[in-house]
Amino acid sequence: MPAKDEPARRRHEKLVDRLEGLMRASLKPRYRGYHGQLILSSGDLEEMGELKDVRRAAREAGRRLGWQPKTHVVDARLFVYDDREVPREISELTARDATDAIDAQLRGRE
């Protein structure tokens, strides 16, 4: 990058670091790094800068975490998620967790 783009490069790196931290915080240790996701509201996006720059930074942050990051914009929200194939034991664990959560909600209504 030319020297005049140094401030832009630093802003990009800072944004990547921030997004990586948010993504890392969304991970559940028991899923061993799988099922990562991050949803940024329109307010978050406005604060972070241009959508194309945030998407680029989010993909880079995801790759740092070992993800196959995908991004989608829906109703002014940016969805970032890990699109890797999930190992069977992790899929089974998440299915059990989801079932347990639904059962707990249903028991709470009785």
C-alpha atoms as a PDB file:
ATOM      1  CA  MET A   1       0.000   0.000   0.000  1.00  0.00           C
ATOM      2  CA  PRO A   2       1.314   3.483  -0.739  1.00  0.00           C
ATOM      3  CA  ALA A   3       2.297   5.580   2.287  1.00  0.00           C
ATOM      4  CA  LYS A   4      -0.722   7.869   1.841  1.00  0.00           C
ATOM      5  CA  ASP A   5      -3.004   4.865   2.460  1.00  0.00           C
ATOM      6  CA  GLU A   6      -1.387   4.074   5.818  1.00  0.00           C
ATOM      7  CA  PRO A   7      -4.250   5.644   7.855  1.00  0.00           C
ATOM      8  CA  ALA A   8      -6.784   3.619   5.829  1.00  0.00           C
ATOM      9  CA  ARG A   9      -4.803   0.439   6.422  1.00  0.00           C
ATOM     10  CA  ARG A  10      -4.685   1.124  10.171  1.00  0.00           C
ATOM     11  CA  ARG A  11      -8.456   1.788  10.272  1.00  0.00           C
ATOM     12  CA  HIS A  12      -9.042  -1.476   8.400  1.00  0.00           C
ATOM     13  CA  GLU A  13      -6.821  -3.461  10.798  1.00  0.00           C
ATOM     14  CA  LYS A  14      -8.546  -1.889  13.804  1.00  0.00           C
ATOM     15  CA  LEU A  15     -11.950  -2.831  12.361  1.00  0.00           C
ATOM     16  CA  VAL A  16     -10.783  -6.400  11.650  1.00  0.00           C
ATOM     17  CA  ASP A  17      -9.530  -6.703  15.245  1.00  0.00           C
ATOM     18  CA  ARG A  18     -12.823  -5.361  16.619  1.00  0.00           C
ATOM     19  CA  LEU A  19     -14.919  -7.725  14.490  1.00  0.00           C
ATOM     20  CA  GLU A  20     -12.699 -10.673  15.347  1.00  0.00           C
ATOM     21  CA  GLY A  21     -13.269  -9.963  19.035  1.00  0.00           C
ATOM     22  CA  LEU A  22     -17.032  -9.838  18.543  1.00  0.00           C
ATOM     23  CA  MET A  23     -16.969 -13.056  16.518  1.00  0.00           C
ATOM     24  CA  ARG A  24     -14.783 -14.830  19.060  1.00  0.00           C
ATOM     25  CA  ALA A  25     -17.172 -13.768  21.843  1.00  0.00           C
ATOM     26  CA  SER A  26     -20.074 -15.360  19.942  1.00  0.00           C
ATOM     27  CA  LEU A  27     -18.434 -18.782  19.938  1.00  0.00           C
ATOM     28  CA  LYS A  28     -19.407 -21.465  22.423  1.00  0.00           C
ATOM     29  CA  PRO A  29     -16.333 -23.424  23.541  1.00  0.00           C
ATOM     30  CA  ARG A  30     -18.231 -26.709  23.482  1.00  0.00           C
ATOM     31  CA  TYR A  31     -18.774 -26.288  19.716  1.00  0.00           C
ATOM     32  CA  ARG A  32     -14.980 -26.123  19.171  1.00  0.00           C
ATOM     33  CA  GLY A  33     -15.088 -23.009  16.988  1.00  0.00           C
ATOM     34  CA  TYR A  34     -18.002 -24.101  14.791  1.00  0.00           C
ATOM     35  CA  HIS A  35     -21.376 -22.392  14.409  1.00  0.00           C
ATOM     36  CA  GLY A  36     -19.882 -18.924  14.616  1.00  0.00           C
ATOM     37  CA  GLN A  37     -22.065 -15.986  13.685  1.00  0.00           C
ATOM     38  CA  LEU A  38     -22.330 -12.265  14.131  1.00  0.00           C
ATOM     39  CA  ILE A  39     -25.251  -9.968  13.394  1.00  0.00           C
ATOM     40  CA  LEU A  40     -24.576  -6.248  13.068  1.00  0.00           C
ATOM     41  CA  SER A  41     -27.486  -3.814  13.228  1.00  0.00           C
ATOM     42  CA  SER A  42     -27.835  -0.790  10.998  1.00  0.00           C
ATOM     43  CA  GLY A  43     -26.553   1.311  13.912  1.00  0.00           C
ATOM     44  CA  ASP A  44     -23.471  -0.882  14.267  1.00  0.00           C
ATOM     45  CA  LEU A  45     -22.824  -0.611  10.544  1.00  0.00           C
ATOM     46  CA  GLU A  46     -23.257   3.143  10.548  1.00  0.00           C
ATOM     47  CA  GLU A  47     -20.695   3.438  13.333  1.00  0.00           C
ATOM     48  CA  MET A  48     -18.194   1.116  11.625  1.00  0.00           C
ATOM     49  CA  GLY A  49     -18.107   2.730   8.205  1.00  0.00           C
ATOM     50  CA  GLU A  50     -18.896   1.811   4.615  1.00  0.00           C
ATOM     51  CA  LEU A  51     -20.747  -1.487   4.212  1.00  0.00           C
ATOM     52  CA  LYS A  52     -18.243  -2.810   1.651  1.00  0.00           C
ATOM     53  CA  ASP A  53     -15.382  -2.097   4.070  1.00  0.00           C
ATOM     54  CA  VAL A  54     -17.162  -3.741   7.005  1.00  0.00           C
ATOM     55  CA  ARG A  55     -17.946  -6.821   4.902  1.00  0.00           C
ATOM     56  CA  ARG A  56     -14.335  -7.084   3.773  1.00  0.00           C
ATOM     57  CA  ALA A  57     -13.087  -6.699   7.353  1.00  0.00           C
ATOM     58  CA  ALA A  58     -15.627  -9.261   8.624  1.00  0.00           C
ATOM     59  CA  ARG A  59     -14.486 -11.829   6.071  1.00  0.00           C
ATOM     60  CA  GLU A  60     -10.859 -11.256   7.064  1.00  0.00           C
ATOM     61  CA  ALA A  61     -11.711 -11.531  10.773  1.00  0.00           C
ATOM     62  CA  GLY A  62     -13.595 -14.756  10.118  1.00  0.00           C
ATOM     63  CA  ARG A  63     -10.651 -16.251   8.241  1.00  0.00           C
ATOM     64  CA  ARG A  64      -8.417 -15.431  11.221  1.00  0.00           C
ATOM     65  CA  LEU A  65     -10.731 -17.631  13.307  1.00  0.00           C
ATOM     66  CA  GLY A  66     -10.549 -20.475  10.804  1.00  0.00           C
ATOM     67  CA  TRP A  67     -14.033 -19.828   9.442  1.00  0.00           C
ATOM     68  CA  GLN A  68     -15.216 -19.921   5.872  1.00  0.00           C
ATOM     69  CA  PRO A  69     -16.925 -16.576   6.372  1.00  0.00           C
ATOM     70  CA  LYS A  70     -20.015 -15.584   4.426  1.00  0.00           C
ATOM     71  CA  THR A  71     -21.799 -12.255   4.650  1.00  0.00           C
ATOM     72  CA  HIS A  72     -25.363 -11.286   3.786  1.00  0.00           C
ATOM     73  CA  VAL A  73     -27.269  -8.048   4.201  1.00  0.00           C
ATOM     74  CA  VAL A  74     -30.925  -8.358   5.185  1.00  0.00           C
ATOM     75  CA  ASP A  75     -33.093  -5.404   6.218  1.00  0.00           C
ATOM     76  CA  ALA A  76     -30.073  -3.160   6.949  1.00  0.00           C
ATOM     77  CA  ARG A  77     -28.408  -5.834   9.093  1.00  0.00           C
ATOM     78  CA  LEU A  78     -25.170  -7.589   8.226  1.00  0.00           C
ATOM     79  CA  PHE A  79     -25.086 -11.296   8.943  1.00  0.00           C
ATOM     80  CA  VAL A  80     -21.648 -12.896   9.138  1.00  0.00           C
ATOM     81  CA  TYR A  81     -21.419 -16.638   9.623  1.00  0.00           C
ATOM     82  CA  ASP A  82     -19.100 -19.596   9.345  1.00  0.00           C
ATOM     83  CA  ASP A  83     -20.027 -21.731   6.343  1.00  0.00           C
ATOM     84  CA  ARG A  84     -17.703 -24.668   7.057  1.00  0.00           C
ATOM     85  CA  GLU A  85     -19.068 -28.176   7.112  1.00  0.00           C
ATOM     86  CA  VAL A  86     -19.704 -29.030  10.756  1.00  0.00           C
ATOM     87  CA  PRO A  87     -18.431 -32.360  12.127  1.00  0.00           C
ATOM     88  CA  ARG A  88     -21.164 -34.814  12.975  1.00  0.00           C
ATOM     89  CA  GLU A  89     -20.498 -34.812  16.745  1.00  0.00           C
ATOM     90  CA  ILE A  90     -20.806 -31.012  16.860  1.00  0.00           C
ATOM     91  CA  SER A  91     -24.038 -31.119  14.817  1.00  0.00           C
ATOM     92  CA  GLU A  92     -25.483 -33.696  17.191  1.00  0.00           C
ATOM     93  CA  LEU A  93     -24.453 -31.610  20.199  1.00  0.00           C
ATOM     94  CA  THR A  94     -26.060 -28.445  18.812  1.00  0.00           C
ATOM     95  CA  ALA A  95     -29.237 -30.377  17.975  1.00  0.00           C
ATOM     96  CA  ARG A  96     -29.421 -31.665  21.566  1.00  0.00           C
ATOM     97  CA  ASP A  97     -28.815 -28.177  22.918  1.00  0.00           C
ATOM     98  CA  ALA A  98     -31.579 -26.750  20.721  1.00  0.00           C
ATOM     99  CA  THR A  99     -33.986 -29.488  21.797  1.00  0.00           C
ATOM    100  CA  ASP A 100     -33.144 -28.887  25.451  1.00  0.00           C
ATOM    101  CA  ALA A 101     -33.722 -25.135  25.055  1.00  0.00           C
ATOM    102  CA  ILE A 102     -37.110 -25.692  23.417  1.00  0.00           C
ATOM    103  CA  ASP A 103     -38.103 -28.217  26.088  1.00  0.00           C
ATOM    104  CA  ALA A 104     -37.122 -25.754  28.819  1.00  0.00           C
ATOM    105  CA  GLN A 105     -39.266 -23.030  27.218  1.00  0.00           C
ATOM    106  CA  LEU A 106     -42.230 -25.366  26.897  1.00  0.00           C
ATOM    107  CA  ARG A 107     -41.884 -26.523  30.522  1.00  0.00           C
ATOM    108  CA  GLY A 108     -41.840 -22.870  31.589  1.00  0.00           C
ATOM    109  CA  ARG A 109     -45.260 -22.327  29.999  1.00  0.00           C
ATOM    110  CA  GLU A 110     -46.957 -25.125  31.915  1.00  0.00           C
END
